[in-house]
């Protein structure tokens, strides 16, 4: 993909329109042929000319919820489904992390430990991102979860102590454990796309504030993921609705209703 893009405009599906780019593959202009033979040279299209270049990269979407996650891929080959499946051939994966017998389990594998070793399985982690220490204390107590947590030395956030074999302990913050989940999700994406993927759009609930979003970006950075955007759930739904539907002349109001495991929201699109 290009190292620099500017003046992006609406284009056919799977294409990018730009008037300034570098390190790209040869392309032609809609106004006539423009040979681009040197991939290291910068080219600028003068005037109203728009150059359409087919994007060869794969971009993933991670829908990260408090109890589960779903991942999708765009710009796949014809015939490939956009939604990635996990190792159990399911679209939905539990967003859980478990530490047991010197092993770290993520997703469906950790769900099997939930009944027997409740304190070794960590969930609701996206809600706990970058929260002051007293918040996870009260939140986890309300769910009758007796995790061993202590304040972090330099920041007022919770550190989760996980017990391992031999009486040893490891400590992780919510950001670090969310990074593990995101890394696992990227493994599902790359296995589905059969190529390396770094660019991701993450879907977040609308109530997530600035601090929590920064915590999520920190987790993505720890996982080695380049986040292109954080998109609210209702914005994602409205965008997909607008893409799929054919609109006739006239005024229309549409309500998008989302009832999740931890929150419910309704949004009106005019």
Protein backbone atom coordinates (compact mmCIF):
# COMPACT_ATOMS: atom_id res chain seq x y z
CA UNK A 1 0.00 0.00 0.00
CA UNK A 2 1.11 3.57 -0.53
CA UNK A 3 3.07 5.28 2.21
CA UNK A 4 1.12 8.45 1.60
CA UNK A 5 -2.36 9.11 0.33
CA UNK A 6 -4.19 12.38 -0.05
CA UNK A 7 -7.35 13.72 -1.65
CA UNK A 8 -9.27 10.49 -1.30
CA UNK A 9 -12.69 10.50 -2.94
CA UNK A 10 -15.58 8.15 -3.56
CA UNK A 11 -14.53 5.27 -5.82
CA UNK A 12 -15.79 1.89 -6.99
CA UNK A 13 -15.61 -0.91 -4.45
CA UNK A 14 -12.08 -2.14 -3.84
CA UNK A 15 -10.44 0.91 -5.43
CA UNK A 16 -8.70 3.99 -4.07
CA UNK A 17 -8.73 7.38 -5.78
CA UNK A 18 -5.80 9.69 -5.14
CA UNK A 19 -4.06 12.66 -6.70
CA UNK A 20 -0.77 12.13 -4.87
CA UNK A 21 0.92 8.88 -4.07
CA UNK A 22 4.27 7.14 -3.93
CA UNK A 23 5.64 3.58 -3.79
CA UNK A 24 2.63 2.32 -5.74
CA UNK A 25 2.17 -0.09 -8.60
CA UNK A 26 1.60 1.11 -12.18
CA UNK A 27 -1.84 2.51 -12.88
CA UNK A 28 -3.77 4.41 -15.49
CA UNK A 29 -5.86 7.54 -15.30
CA UNK A 30 -9.52 7.73 -16.19
CA UNK A 31 -8.61 10.68 -18.42
CA UNK A 32 -5.95 8.74 -20.32
CA UNK A 33 -2.92 6.53 -19.86
CA UNK A 34 -0.31 7.76 -17.37
CA UNK A 35 2.64 5.36 -17.22
CA UNK A 36 3.95 4.83 -13.71
CA UNK A 37 7.06 2.78 -14.07
CA UNK A 38 9.26 3.84 -11.17
CA UNK A 39 7.67 2.74 -7.87
CA UNK A 40 10.05 4.93 -5.84
CA UNK A 41 9.14 8.18 -7.58
CA UNK A 42 6.38 10.53 -6.44
CA UNK A 43 3.71 11.26 -9.02
CA UNK A 44 1.16 14.06 -8.89
CA UNK A 45 -1.89 14.22 -11.12
CA UNK A 46 -2.39 17.84 -12.19
CA UNK A 47 -5.81 19.41 -12.58
CA UNK A 48 -9.01 17.44 -12.10
CA UNK A 49 -7.48 14.13 -13.18
CA UNK A 50 -8.14 11.31 -10.72
CA UNK A 51 -6.03 8.18 -10.68
CA UNK A 52 -7.74 4.95 -9.64
CA UNK A 53 -5.49 2.32 -8.13
CA UNK A 54 -6.80 -1.05 -7.02
CA UNK A 55 -5.94 -1.69 -3.39
CA UNK A 56 -4.00 -4.91 -2.89
CA UNK A 57 -3.95 -4.78 0.91
CA UNK A 58 -6.28 -6.53 3.31
CA UNK A 59 -8.00 -4.54 6.05
CA UNK A 60 -9.61 -6.26 9.01
CA UNK A 61 -12.43 -5.26 11.32
CA UNK A 62 -12.59 -6.40 14.94
CA UNK A 63 -15.90 -6.08 16.74
CA UNK A 64 -14.69 -6.19 20.34
CA UNK A 65 -17.45 -6.64 22.92
CA UNK A 66 -17.34 -7.29 26.64
CA UNK A 67 -18.04 -11.03 26.30
CA UNK A 68 -17.27 -11.92 22.70
CA UNK A 69 -15.61 -10.72 19.52
CA UNK A 70 -16.13 -11.10 15.79
CA UNK A 71 -13.66 -10.40 13.02
CA UNK A 72 -14.15 -9.67 9.33
CA UNK A 73 -11.87 -9.03 6.37
CA UNK A 74 -12.35 -6.77 3.36
CA UNK A 75 -10.79 -6.90 -0.11
CA UNK A 76 -10.59 -10.67 -0.26
CA UNK A 77 -10.50 -12.73 -3.41
CA UNK A 78 -13.85 -13.42 -5.10
CA UNK A 79 -15.69 -16.23 -3.38
CA UNK A 80 -14.15 -15.72 0.05
CA UNK A 81 -16.57 -14.86 2.86
CA UNK A 82 -15.68 -11.64 4.72
CA UNK A 83 -16.34 -12.96 8.24
CA UNK A 84 -13.53 -15.01 9.79
CA UNK A 85 -14.22 -18.16 11.75
CA UNK A 86 -12.33 -19.46 14.76
CA UNK A 87 -10.81 -22.88 15.33
CA UNK A 88 -14.28 -24.19 16.25
CA UNK A 89 -15.71 -22.95 12.92
CA UNK A 90 -17.76 -20.32 14.75
CA UNK A 91 -18.16 -16.66 13.84
CA UNK A 92 -18.41 -15.51 17.45
CA UNK A 93 -15.48 -16.02 19.83
CA UNK A 94 -15.52 -15.44 23.60
CA UNK A 95 -13.28 -12.48 24.49
CA UNK A 96 -11.78 -14.30 27.46
CA UNK A 97 -8.25 -14.84 28.73
CA UNK A 98 -7.38 -17.63 31.16
CA UNK A 99 -4.14 -18.58 32.92
CA UNK A 100 -3.91 -22.17 34.14
CA UNK A 101 -1.10 -24.72 34.60
CA UNK A 102 1.51 -22.35 33.16
CA UNK A 103 -0.60 -21.96 30.02
CA UNK A 104 -2.45 -19.01 28.58
CA UNK A 105 -5.78 -19.81 26.96
CA UNK A 106 -7.75 -17.37 24.82
CA UNK A 107 -11.20 -17.60 23.32
CA UNK A 108 -13.14 -20.86 23.25
CA UNK A 109 -10.43 -22.79 25.10
CA UNK A 110 -10.68 -20.51 28.13
CA UNK A 111 -14.47 -20.92 28.24
CA UNK A 112 -14.07 -24.52 29.41
CA UNK A 113 -12.31 -23.34 32.58
CA UNK A 114 -14.98 -20.80 33.49
CA UNK A 115 -17.04 -23.15 35.68
CA UNK A 116 -14.18 -24.88 37.49
CA UNK A 117 -11.70 -22.01 37.81
CA UNK A 118 -13.71 -18.81 37.78
CA UNK A 119 -10.93 -16.64 39.22
CA UNK A 120 -8.49 -17.79 36.54
CA UNK A 121 -10.65 -16.65 33.63
CA UNK A 122 -10.78 -12.92 32.88
CA UNK A 123 -13.65 -11.33 30.99
CA UNK A 124 -15.36 -7.92 30.65
CA UNK A 125 -11.85 -6.65 29.94
CA UNK A 126 -12.81 -3.99 27.31
CA UNK A 127 -15.02 -2.33 29.93
CA UNK A 128 -12.09 -2.12 32.36
CA UNK A 129 -9.64 -0.39 30.01
CA UNK A 130 -7.85 2.57 31.57
CA UNK A 131 -10.31 2.77 34.45
CA UNK A 132 -9.28 4.14 37.89
CA UNK A 133 -8.52 1.41 40.39
CA UNK A 134 -11.72 1.87 42.41
CA UNK A 135 -13.92 1.26 39.32
CA UNK A 136 -12.85 -2.36 38.60
CA UNK A 137 -12.98 -3.00 42.33
CA UNK A 138 -16.68 -2.09 42.52
CA UNK A 139 -17.54 -3.51 39.09
CA UNK A 140 -16.00 -6.92 39.74
CA UNK A 141 -17.54 -7.06 43.21
CA UNK A 142 -20.97 -6.45 41.68
CA UNK A 143 -20.44 -9.52 39.47
CA UNK A 144 -19.15 -11.58 42.42
CA UNK A 145 -15.75 -11.94 40.78
CA UNK A 146 -12.97 -12.19 43.34
CA UNK A 147 -9.97 -11.43 41.15
CA UNK A 148 -6.75 -10.60 42.97
CA UNK A 149 -6.15 -6.98 41.93
CA UNK A 150 -3.79 -4.31 43.22
CA UNK A 151 -3.12 -0.69 42.16
CA UNK A 152 -0.39 -0.18 39.58
CA UNK A 153 2.68 1.56 41.00
CA UNK A 154 2.84 4.52 38.60
CA UNK A 155 -0.79 4.83 37.46
CA UNK A 156 -4.14 4.54 39.22
CA UNK A 157 -5.19 1.43 37.30
CA UNK A 158 -5.77 -2.14 38.39
CA UNK A 159 -3.17 -4.88 38.03
CA UNK A 160 -4.49 -8.44 37.88
CA UNK A 161 -2.41 -11.08 39.65
CA UNK A 162 -2.54 -14.51 38.02
CA UNK A 163 -1.36 -17.60 39.89
CA UNK A 164 0.85 -20.13 38.13
CA UNK A 165 2.28 -23.53 39.00
CA UNK A 166 4.74 -23.54 41.89
CA UNK A 167 3.12 -20.60 43.66
CA UNK A 168 4.54 -18.02 41.25
CA UNK A 169 2.53 -15.02 40.09
CA UNK A 170 2.31 -12.90 36.97
CA UNK A 171 0.76 -9.46 36.81
CA UNK A 172 -1.13 -7.95 33.87
CA UNK A 173 -3.16 -4.82 33.32
CA UNK A 174 -6.44 -4.81 31.41
CA UNK A 175 -4.63 -3.22 28.45
CA UNK A 176 -2.12 -6.08 28.32
CA UNK A 177 -4.81 -8.76 28.40
CA UNK A 178 -6.88 -6.97 25.74
CA UNK A 179 -3.69 -6.90 23.65
CA UNK A 180 -3.56 -10.69 23.95
CA UNK A 181 -7.15 -10.92 22.72
CA UNK A 182 -6.45 -8.58 19.79
CA UNK A 183 -3.37 -10.60 18.85
CA UNK A 184 -5.47 -13.75 18.87
CA UNK A 185 -8.11 -12.04 16.72
CA UNK A 186 -5.44 -11.04 14.20
CA UNK A 187 -4.39 -14.68 14.02
CA UNK A 188 -7.94 -15.56 12.97
CA UNK A 189 -7.87 -12.80 10.36
CA UNK A 190 -4.54 -13.84 8.85
CA UNK A 191 -5.54 -17.49 8.79
CA UNK A 192 -8.71 -16.52 6.92
CA UNK A 193 -7.04 -14.08 4.52
CA UNK A 194 -3.94 -16.28 4.08
CA UNK A 195 -1.74 -13.19 4.22
CA UNK A 196 -0.18 -10.85 6.74
CA UNK A 197 -2.58 -8.17 8.00
CA UNK A 198 -1.61 -5.09 10.00
CA UNK A 199 -4.35 -2.51 9.33
CA UNK A 200 -7.49 -2.80 11.44
CA UNK A 201 -10.69 -0.89 12.11
CA UNK A 202 -12.01 -1.64 15.60
CA UNK A 203 -15.68 -1.31 16.49
CA UNK A 204 -16.32 0.11 19.96
CA UNK A 205 -19.47 0.79 22.01
CA UNK A 206 -20.67 4.42 21.96
CA UNK A 207 -20.28 4.85 25.73
CA UNK A 208 -16.52 4.28 25.56
CA UNK A 209 -14.87 7.58 26.46
CA UNK A 210 -11.58 9.18 25.45
CA UNK A 211 -9.54 7.48 28.19
CA UNK A 212 -10.93 4.04 27.36
CA UNK A 213 -10.27 4.56 23.65
CA UNK A 214 -6.70 5.54 24.42
CA UNK A 215 -6.39 2.38 26.48
CA UNK A 216 -7.67 0.35 23.52
CA UNK A 217 -5.16 2.02 21.20
CA UNK A 218 -2.43 1.19 23.73
CA UNK A 219 -3.54 -2.44 23.71
CA UNK A 220 -3.51 -2.48 19.90
CA UNK A 221 -0.01 -1.02 19.89
CA UNK A 222 1.15 -3.74 22.29
CA UNK A 223 -0.31 -6.30 19.88
CA UNK A 224 1.54 -4.74 16.92
CA UNK A 225 -1.66 -3.62 15.20
CA UNK A 226 -2.07 -0.44 13.17
CA UNK A 227 -5.52 0.94 14.01
CA UNK A 228 -6.97 2.92 11.11
CA UNK A 229 -10.05 4.04 13.05
CA UNK A 230 -12.25 3.39 16.06
CA UNK A 231 -15.86 3.27 14.86
CA UNK A 232 -18.95 3.38 17.05
CA UNK A 233 -21.26 0.40 16.74
CA UNK A 234 -24.25 2.40 15.53
CA UNK A 235 -22.12 4.28 12.98
CA UNK A 236 -20.94 0.96 11.57
CA UNK A 237 -24.51 -0.32 11.34
CA UNK A 238 -25.79 2.84 9.66
CA UNK A 239 -22.91 2.79 7.16
CA UNK A 240 -23.55 -0.82 6.18
CA UNK A 241 -27.27 -0.12 5.91
CA UNK A 242 -26.57 2.77 3.55
CA UNK A 243 -24.32 0.59 1.39
CA UNK A 244 -26.77 -2.30 1.13
CA UNK A 245 -29.98 -0.37 0.52
CA UNK A 246 -31.21 1.46 -2.57
CA UNK A 247 -32.77 4.76 -1.58
CA UNK A 248 -35.54 6.39 -3.61
CA UNK A 249 -36.39 10.07 -3.46
CA UNK A 250 -38.03 11.00 -0.20
CA UNK A 251 -37.38 11.49 3.49
CA UNK A 252 -36.77 8.49 5.68
CA UNK A 253 -36.01 8.03 9.36
CA UNK A 254 -34.40 4.76 10.43
CA UNK A 255 -33.83 3.56 13.98
CA UNK A 256 -30.95 1.20 14.73
CA UNK A 257 -31.52 -0.82 17.90
CA UNK A 258 -28.72 -2.77 19.54
CA UNK A 259 -29.25 -4.92 22.63
CA UNK A 260 -26.00 -6.40 23.85
CA UNK A 261 -24.99 -8.37 26.94
CA UNK A 262 -23.96 -5.25 28.88
CA UNK A 263 -25.74 -2.31 27.24
CA UNK A 264 -28.63 -1.33 25.00
CA UNK A 265 -28.73 1.66 22.69
CA UNK A 266 -31.01 3.03 20.00
CA UNK A 267 -30.02 5.55 17.33
CA UNK A 268 -31.99 7.52 14.77
CA UNK A 269 -30.66 8.12 11.26
CA UNK A 270 -32.24 10.97 9.30
